[in-house]
């Protein structure tokens, strides 16, 4: 990853301690959802490519909520990465990595955070210039002890842990010096999105935006 993309990715994750991870079933909910998150102080939003509505939802937010900075998540292939770039997303992020995906991302102008789980994953990433990564699934993969162990041989790497992080444990993750932000779905749960409960989502976003974090 080039220095420009690295710097931009760090700037994005510095905007708030929590990145809402959104799996959206109906594109019509995208704009009011994004407005609620932005109003609560969370401008950086990850829209996962897990549903048929994801691309339309991301496109609508990018067009109608300019304050939001939309990242495309669940990027698994070169085609997914190209689609994120075509949408003019602010960044892309993956739950894992492959040689093909890393090579495509290294050649792309789109800031990209690959997903890692093991030391071998990290070696593949850092040798291609990716030193800001998604640790996934954070809690099932060993939690904070695993992240601490990885920090030893990879002191230059910083993390956006995602997976199993909730209101109950988020403060512990944000206190880690190598964590720049966390990804979480609790801010905008599927039940509130389906019900259109935007005030509740805005309230959770406001609480998440105010969380303290270690200066990485």
C-alpha atoms as a PDB file:
ATOM      1  CA  UNK A   1       0.000   0.000   0.000  1.00  0.00           C
ATOM      2  CA  UNK A   2       1.369   3.386  -0.911  1.00  0.00           C
ATOM      3  CA  UNK A   3       1.995   6.095   1.678  1.00  0.00           C
ATOM      4  CA  UNK A   4      -0.944   8.206   0.490  1.00  0.00           C
ATOM      5  CA  UNK A   5      -3.406   5.357   1.037  1.00  0.00           C
ATOM      6  CA  UNK A   6      -1.868   4.459   4.393  1.00  0.00           C
ATOM      7  CA  UNK A   7      -2.153   8.047   5.593  1.00  0.00           C
ATOM      8  CA  UNK A   8      -5.749   8.345   4.400  1.00  0.00           C
ATOM      9  CA  UNK A   9      -6.750   5.104   6.106  1.00  0.00           C
ATOM     10  CA  UNK A  10      -5.232   6.279   9.385  1.00  0.00           C
ATOM     11  CA  UNK A  11      -7.057   9.590   9.044  1.00  0.00           C
ATOM     12  CA  UNK A  12     -10.367   7.809   8.515  1.00  0.00           C
ATOM     13  CA  UNK A  13      -9.983   5.524  11.529  1.00  0.00           C
ATOM     14  CA  UNK A  14      -8.908   8.486  13.650  1.00  0.00           C
ATOM     15  CA  UNK A  15     -12.277  10.199  13.134  1.00  0.00           C
ATOM     16  CA  UNK A  16     -14.105   8.028  15.681  1.00  0.00           C
ATOM     17  CA  UNK A  17     -13.256   5.071  17.904  1.00  0.00           C
ATOM     18  CA  UNK A  18     -16.009   2.856  16.470  1.00  0.00           C
ATOM     19  CA  UNK A  19     -16.781   1.980  12.856  1.00  0.00           C
ATOM     20  CA  UNK A  20     -20.365   0.699  12.565  1.00  0.00           C
ATOM     21  CA  UNK A  21     -20.437  -2.546  10.587  1.00  0.00           C
ATOM     22  CA  UNK A  22     -23.717  -2.564   8.683  1.00  0.00           C
ATOM     23  CA  UNK A  23     -25.434  -5.489   6.993  1.00  0.00           C
ATOM     24  CA  UNK A  24     -28.389  -3.894   5.278  1.00  0.00           C
ATOM     25  CA  UNK A  25     -31.318  -5.882   3.905  1.00  0.00           C
ATOM     26  CA  UNK A  26     -33.311  -3.028   2.322  1.00  0.00           C
ATOM     27  CA  UNK A  27     -31.612  -0.215   0.459  1.00  0.00           C
ATOM     28  CA  UNK A  28     -34.391   2.238   1.363  1.00  0.00           C
ATOM     29  CA  UNK A  29     -33.141   2.190   4.964  1.00  0.00           C
ATOM     30  CA  UNK A  30     -29.616   3.231   3.991  1.00  0.00           C
ATOM     31  CA  UNK A  31     -29.962   7.010   3.894  1.00  0.00           C
ATOM     32  CA  UNK A  32     -31.899   7.510   7.162  1.00  0.00           C
ATOM     33  CA  UNK A  33     -29.548   5.037   8.843  1.00  0.00           C
ATOM     34  CA  UNK A  34     -26.477   6.932   7.669  1.00  0.00           C
ATOM     35  CA  UNK A  35     -27.983  10.238   8.760  1.00  0.00           C
ATOM     36  CA  UNK A  36     -28.626   8.834  12.248  1.00  0.00           C
ATOM     37  CA  UNK A  37     -25.048   7.574  12.540  1.00  0.00           C
ATOM     38  CA  UNK A  38     -23.573  10.853  11.313  1.00  0.00           C
ATOM     39  CA  UNK A  39     -25.792  12.840  13.668  1.00  0.00           C
ATOM     40  CA  UNK A  40     -24.458  10.706  16.505  1.00  0.00           C
ATOM     41  CA  UNK A  41     -20.860  11.435  15.530  1.00  0.00           C
ATOM     42  CA  UNK A  42     -19.946   8.313  13.552  1.00  0.00           C
ATOM     43  CA  UNK A  43     -19.120   9.442  10.018  1.00  0.00           C
ATOM     44  CA  UNK A  44     -17.086   6.394   8.981  1.00  0.00           C
ATOM     45  CA  UNK A  45     -19.442   3.544   8.109  1.00  0.00           C
ATOM     46  CA  UNK A  46     -18.726   0.050   6.780  1.00  0.00           C
ATOM     47  CA  UNK A  47     -21.385  -1.387   4.458  1.00  0.00           C
ATOM     48  CA  UNK A  48     -20.776  -5.113   4.095  1.00  0.00           C
ATOM     49  CA  UNK A  49     -21.229  -6.893   0.775  1.00  0.00           C
ATOM     50  CA  UNK A  50     -23.342  -9.583   2.404  1.00  0.00           C
ATOM     51  CA  UNK A  51     -26.739  -8.799   0.901  1.00  0.00           C
ATOM     52  CA  UNK A  52     -28.261  -8.039  -2.477  1.00  0.00           C
ATOM     53  CA  UNK A  53     -29.072  -4.528  -1.264  1.00  0.00           C
ATOM     54  CA  UNK A  54     -25.517  -3.629  -0.212  1.00  0.00           C
ATOM     55  CA  UNK A  55     -24.305  -1.930  -3.382  1.00  0.00           C
ATOM     56  CA  UNK A  56     -27.486   0.095  -3.852  1.00  0.00           C
ATOM     57  CA  UNK A  57     -27.380   1.086  -0.184  1.00  0.00           C
ATOM     58  CA  UNK A  58     -23.767   2.236  -0.394  1.00  0.00           C
ATOM     59  CA  UNK A  59     -24.452   4.163  -3.595  1.00  0.00           C
ATOM     60  CA  UNK A  60     -27.418   5.956  -1.991  1.00  0.00           C
ATOM     61  CA  UNK A  61     -25.432   6.982   1.100  1.00  0.00           C
ATOM     62  CA  UNK A  62     -22.507   8.246  -0.966  1.00  0.00           C
ATOM     63  CA  UNK A  63     -24.881  10.296  -3.146  1.00  0.00           C
ATOM     64  CA  UNK A  64     -27.225  11.628  -0.470  1.00  0.00           C
ATOM     65  CA  UNK A  65     -25.238  11.801   2.770  1.00  0.00           C
ATOM     66  CA  UNK A  66     -21.994  13.551   1.836  1.00  0.00           C
ATOM     67  CA  UNK A  67     -20.933  13.830   5.484  1.00  0.00           C
ATOM     68  CA  UNK A  68     -20.707  10.033   5.665  1.00  0.00           C
ATOM     69  CA  UNK A  69     -17.474   8.289   4.699  1.00  0.00           C
ATOM     70  CA  UNK A  70     -18.520   4.932   3.332  1.00  0.00           C
ATOM     71  CA  UNK A  71     -16.264   1.922   3.392  1.00  0.00           C
ATOM     72  CA  UNK A  72     -17.116  -1.288   1.574  1.00  0.00           C
ATOM     73  CA  UNK A  73     -16.684  -4.382   3.728  1.00  0.00           C
ATOM     74  CA  UNK A  74     -16.601  -8.121   3.095  1.00  0.00           C
ATOM     75  CA  UNK A  75     -14.318  -7.449   0.117  1.00  0.00           C
ATOM     76  CA  UNK A  76     -13.194 -10.929  -0.917  1.00  0.00           C
ATOM     77  CA  UNK A  77     -12.040 -10.630  -4.524  1.00  0.00           C
ATOM     78  CA  UNK A  78     -10.417  -8.290  -7.011  1.00  0.00           C
ATOM     79  CA  UNK A  79     -13.881  -7.714  -8.483  1.00  0.00           C
ATOM     80  CA  UNK A  80     -15.237  -6.632  -5.081  1.00  0.00           C
ATOM     81  CA  UNK A  81     -12.346  -4.186  -4.731  1.00  0.00           C
ATOM     82  CA  UNK A  82     -12.969  -2.760  -8.182  1.00  0.00           C
ATOM     83  CA  UNK A  83     -16.674  -2.400  -7.376  1.00  0.00           C
ATOM     84  CA  UNK A  84     -15.808  -0.455  -4.213  1.00  0.00           C
ATOM     85  CA  UNK A  85     -13.589   1.867  -6.241  1.00  0.00           C
ATOM     86  CA  UNK A  86     -16.310   2.332  -8.873  1.00  0.00           C
ATOM     87  CA  UNK A  87     -18.734   3.333  -6.120  1.00  0.00           C
ATOM     88  CA  UNK A  88     -16.229   5.988  -5.025  1.00  0.00           C
ATOM     89  CA  UNK A  89     -16.090   4.486  -1.565  1.00  0.00           C
ATOM     90  CA  UNK A  90     -13.713   6.083   0.928  1.00  0.00           C
ATOM     91  CA  UNK A  91     -12.027   2.760   1.688  1.00  0.00           C
ATOM     92  CA  UNK A  92     -12.401  -1.004   1.454  1.00  0.00           C
ATOM     93  CA  UNK A  93     -11.939  -3.627   4.147  1.00  0.00           C
ATOM     94  CA  UNK A  94     -11.848  -7.413   4.162  1.00  0.00           C
ATOM     95  CA  UNK A  95     -12.351 -10.168   6.741  1.00  0.00           C
ATOM     96  CA  UNK A  96      -9.295 -11.936   5.311  1.00  0.00           C
ATOM     97  CA  UNK A  97      -6.711 -11.799   2.577  1.00  0.00           C
ATOM     98  CA  UNK A  98      -5.357 -13.660  -0.432  1.00  0.00           C
ATOM     99  CA  UNK A  99      -2.347 -13.077  -2.639  1.00  0.00           C
ATOM    100  CA  UNK A 100      -4.613 -11.944  -5.499  1.00  0.00           C
ATOM    101  CA  UNK A 101      -6.550  -9.526  -3.304  1.00  0.00           C
ATOM    102  CA  UNK A 102      -3.435  -8.038  -1.706  1.00  0.00           C
ATOM    103  CA  UNK A 103      -1.764  -7.566  -5.082  1.00  0.00           C
ATOM    104  CA  UNK A 104      -4.882  -5.867  -6.462  1.00  0.00           C
ATOM    105  CA  UNK A 105      -5.146  -3.620  -3.414  1.00  0.00           C
ATOM    106  CA  UNK A 106      -1.471  -2.690  -3.583  1.00  0.00           C
ATOM    107  CA  UNK A 107      -2.011  -1.485  -7.149  1.00  0.00           C
ATOM    108  CA  UNK A 108      -5.264   0.334  -6.335  1.00  0.00           C
ATOM    109  CA  UNK A 109      -5.756   3.973  -5.372  1.00  0.00           C
ATOM    110  CA  UNK A 110      -8.431   2.904  -2.860  1.00  0.00           C
ATOM    111  CA  UNK A 111      -7.291   2.686   0.775  1.00  0.00           C
ATOM    112  CA  UNK A 112      -7.637  -0.935   1.890  1.00  0.00           C
ATOM    113  CA  UNK A 113      -7.417  -2.791   5.201  1.00  0.00           C
ATOM    114  CA  UNK A 114      -6.937  -6.560   4.806  1.00  0.00           C
ATOM    115  CA  UNK A 115      -8.178  -8.999   7.423  1.00  0.00           C
ATOM    116  CA  UNK A 116      -5.800 -11.125   9.475  1.00  0.00           C
ATOM    117  CA  UNK A 117      -6.149 -13.986  11.928  1.00  0.00           C
ATOM    118  CA  UNK A 118      -2.663 -15.495  12.193  1.00  0.00           C
ATOM    119  CA  UNK A 119       1.034 -14.530  12.058  1.00  0.00           C
ATOM    120  CA  UNK A 120       1.182 -15.965   8.537  1.00  0.00           C
ATOM    121  CA  UNK A 121      -1.623 -13.635   7.493  1.00  0.00           C
ATOM    122  CA  UNK A 122       0.315 -10.709   8.908  1.00  0.00           C
ATOM    123  CA  UNK A 123       3.500 -11.671   7.094  1.00  0.00           C
ATOM    124  CA  UNK A 124       1.576 -11.725   3.817  1.00  0.00           C
ATOM    125  CA  UNK A 125       0.201  -8.258   4.573  1.00  0.00           C
ATOM    126  CA  UNK A 126       3.277  -6.463   5.878  1.00  0.00           C
ATOM    127  CA  UNK A 127       5.498  -7.731   3.062  1.00  0.00           C
ATOM    128  CA  UNK A 128       3.118  -5.973   0.656  1.00  0.00           C
ATOM    129  CA  UNK A 129       3.064  -2.763   2.681  1.00  0.00           C
ATOM    130  CA  UNK A 130      -0.173  -3.224   4.645  1.00  0.00           C
ATOM    131  CA  UNK A 131       0.402  -2.358   8.293  1.00  0.00           C
ATOM    132  CA  UNK A 132      -3.123  -1.300   9.267  1.00  0.00           C
ATOM    133  CA  UNK A 133      -5.278  -4.414   9.293  1.00  0.00           C
ATOM    134  CA  UNK A 134      -8.593  -5.795  10.458  1.00  0.00           C
ATOM    135  CA  UNK A 135      -8.198  -8.408  13.213  1.00  0.00           C
ATOM    136  CA  UNK A 136     -11.086 -10.782  12.574  1.00  0.00           C
ATOM    137  CA  UNK A 137     -12.937 -12.438  14.188  1.00  0.00           C
ATOM    138  CA  UNK A 138     -11.389 -10.604  17.120  1.00  0.00           C
ATOM    139  CA  UNK A 139     -12.942 -12.382  20.104  1.00  0.00           C
ATOM    140  CA  UNK A 140     -13.164 -15.920  18.651  1.00  0.00           C
ATOM    141  CA  UNK A 141      -9.602 -15.544  17.313  1.00  0.00           C
ATOM    142  CA  UNK A 142      -8.221 -15.219  20.830  1.00  0.00           C
ATOM    143  CA  UNK A 143      -9.230 -11.750  21.921  1.00  0.00           C
ATOM    144  CA  UNK A 144      -6.865  -9.274  23.489  1.00  0.00           C
ATOM    145  CA  UNK A 145      -4.289 -11.904  24.523  1.00  0.00           C
ATOM    146  CA  UNK A 146      -3.939 -12.954  20.869  1.00  0.00           C
ATOM    147  CA  UNK A 147      -3.631  -9.347  19.733  1.00  0.00           C
ATOM    148  CA  UNK A 148      -1.000  -8.725  22.383  1.00  0.00           C
ATOM    149  CA  UNK A 149       0.969 -11.744  21.235  1.00  0.00           C
ATOM    150  CA  UNK A 150       0.884 -10.567  17.610  1.00  0.00           C
ATOM    151  CA  UNK A 151       2.122  -7.116  18.629  1.00  0.00           C
ATOM    152  CA  UNK A 152       5.448  -8.608  19.730  1.00  0.00           C
ATOM    153  CA  UNK A 153       6.840  -9.781  16.362  1.00  0.00           C
ATOM    154  CA  UNK A 154       4.877  -7.142  14.423  1.00  0.00           C
ATOM    155  CA  UNK A 155       5.441  -3.892  16.357  1.00  0.00           C
ATOM    156  CA  UNK A 156       4.674  -1.691  13.331  1.00  0.00           C
ATOM    157  CA  UNK A 157       1.166  -3.065  12.767  1.00  0.00           C
ATOM    158  CA  UNK A 158      -1.989  -1.342  13.965  1.00  0.00           C
ATOM    159  CA  UNK A 159      -5.407  -2.904  14.130  1.00  0.00           C
ATOM    160  CA  UNK A 160      -9.137  -2.421  13.683  1.00  0.00           C
ATOM    161  CA  UNK A 161     -10.496  -5.444  15.589  1.00  0.00           C
ATOM    162  CA  UNK A 162     -13.949  -6.638  14.569  1.00  0.00           C
ATOM    163  CA  UNK A 163     -16.037  -9.635  15.574  1.00  0.00           C
ATOM    164  CA  UNK A 164     -17.477 -10.220  19.025  1.00  0.00           C
ATOM    165  CA  UNK A 165     -16.868  -6.640  20.163  1.00  0.00           C
ATOM    166  CA  UNK A 166     -19.785  -5.113  22.048  1.00  0.00           C
ATOM    167  CA  UNK A 167     -20.711  -2.383  24.495  1.00  0.00           C
ATOM    168  CA  UNK A 168     -19.570  -4.733  27.264  1.00  0.00           C
ATOM    169  CA  UNK A 169     -15.953  -5.113  26.090  1.00  0.00           C
ATOM    170  CA  UNK A 170     -15.266  -2.252  23.680  1.00  0.00           C
ATOM    171  CA  UNK A 171     -13.445  -0.128  26.271  1.00  0.00           C
ATOM    172  CA  UNK A 172     -10.879  -2.889  26.828  1.00  0.00           C
ATOM    173  CA  UNK A 173     -10.120  -3.079  23.123  1.00  0.00           C
ATOM    174  CA  UNK A 174      -9.836   0.671  22.684  1.00  0.00           C
ATOM    175  CA  UNK A 175      -7.364   0.819  25.577  1.00  0.00           C
ATOM    176  CA  UNK A 176      -4.854  -1.289  23.634  1.00  0.00           C
ATOM    177  CA  UNK A 177      -2.073   0.910  22.196  1.00  0.00           C
ATOM    178  CA  UNK A 178      -2.124  -0.821  18.798  1.00  0.00           C
ATOM    179  CA  UNK A 179      -5.886  -0.458  18.271  1.00  0.00           C
ATOM    180  CA  UNK A 180      -6.820   2.586  16.189  1.00  0.00           C
ATOM    181  CA  UNK A 181     -10.567   1.831  16.126  1.00  0.00           C
ATOM    182  CA  UNK A 182     -12.928  -1.103  16.422  1.00  0.00           C
ATOM    183  CA  UNK A 183     -15.654  -2.378  14.147  1.00  0.00           C
ATOM    184  CA  UNK A 184     -18.989  -3.219  15.683  1.00  0.00           C
ATOM    185  CA  UNK A 185     -22.562  -4.016  14.779  1.00  0.00           C
ATOM    186  CA  UNK A 186     -24.145  -3.197  18.135  1.00  0.00           C
ATOM    187  CA  UNK A 187     -24.508   0.496  17.254  1.00  0.00           C
ATOM    188  CA  UNK A 188     -27.047  -0.263  14.526  1.00  0.00           C
ATOM    189  CA  UNK A 189     -28.557  -3.703  15.167  1.00  0.00           C
ATOM    190  CA  UNK A 190     -30.681  -5.329  12.488  1.00  0.00           C
ATOM    191  CA  UNK A 191     -33.807  -5.060  14.647  1.00  0.00           C
ATOM    192  CA  UNK A 192     -33.537  -1.262  14.889  1.00  0.00           C
ATOM    193  CA  UNK A 193     -32.729  -0.888  11.198  1.00  0.00           C
ATOM    194  CA  UNK A 194     -35.793  -2.975  10.291  1.00  0.00           C
ATOM    195  CA  UNK A 195     -37.989  -0.962  12.662  1.00  0.00           C
ATOM    196  CA  UNK A 196     -36.599   2.380  11.487  1.00  0.00           C
ATOM    197  CA  UNK A 197     -35.636   3.228  15.042  1.00  0.00           C
ATOM    198  CA  UNK A 198     -33.226   5.981  14.039  1.00  0.00           C
ATOM    199  CA  UNK A 199     -33.312   7.830  17.405  1.00  0.00           C
ATOM    200  CA  UNK A 200     -32.051   4.700  19.192  1.00  0.00           C
ATOM    201  CA  UNK A 201     -29.264   4.265  16.630  1.00  0.00           C
ATOM    202  CA  UNK A 202     -28.293   7.923  16.925  1.00  0.00           C
ATOM    203  CA  UNK A 203     -28.151   7.577  20.717  1.00  0.00           C
ATOM    204  CA  UNK A 204     -25.862   4.529  20.525  1.00  0.00           C
ATOM    205  CA  UNK A 205     -23.713   6.269  17.929  1.00  0.00           C
ATOM    206  CA  UNK A 206     -23.308   9.259  20.236  1.00  0.00           C
ATOM    207  CA  UNK A 207     -22.212   7.003  23.087  1.00  0.00           C
ATOM    208  CA  UNK A 208     -19.780   5.120  20.843  1.00  0.00           C
ATOM    209  CA  UNK A 209     -18.323   8.325  19.405  1.00  0.00           C
ATOM    210  CA  UNK A 210     -17.502   9.539  22.899  1.00  0.00           C
ATOM    211  CA  UNK A 211     -15.549   6.459  23.976  1.00  0.00           C
ATOM    212  CA  UNK A 212     -11.939   7.129  25.018  1.00  0.00           C
ATOM    213  CA  UNK A 213      -9.093   5.288  23.324  1.00  0.00           C
ATOM    214  CA  UNK A 214      -5.386   4.873  23.735  1.00  0.00           C
ATOM    215  CA  UNK A 215      -3.267   7.197  21.613  1.00  0.00           C
ATOM    216  CA  UNK A 216      -1.748   4.649  19.204  1.00  0.00           C
END
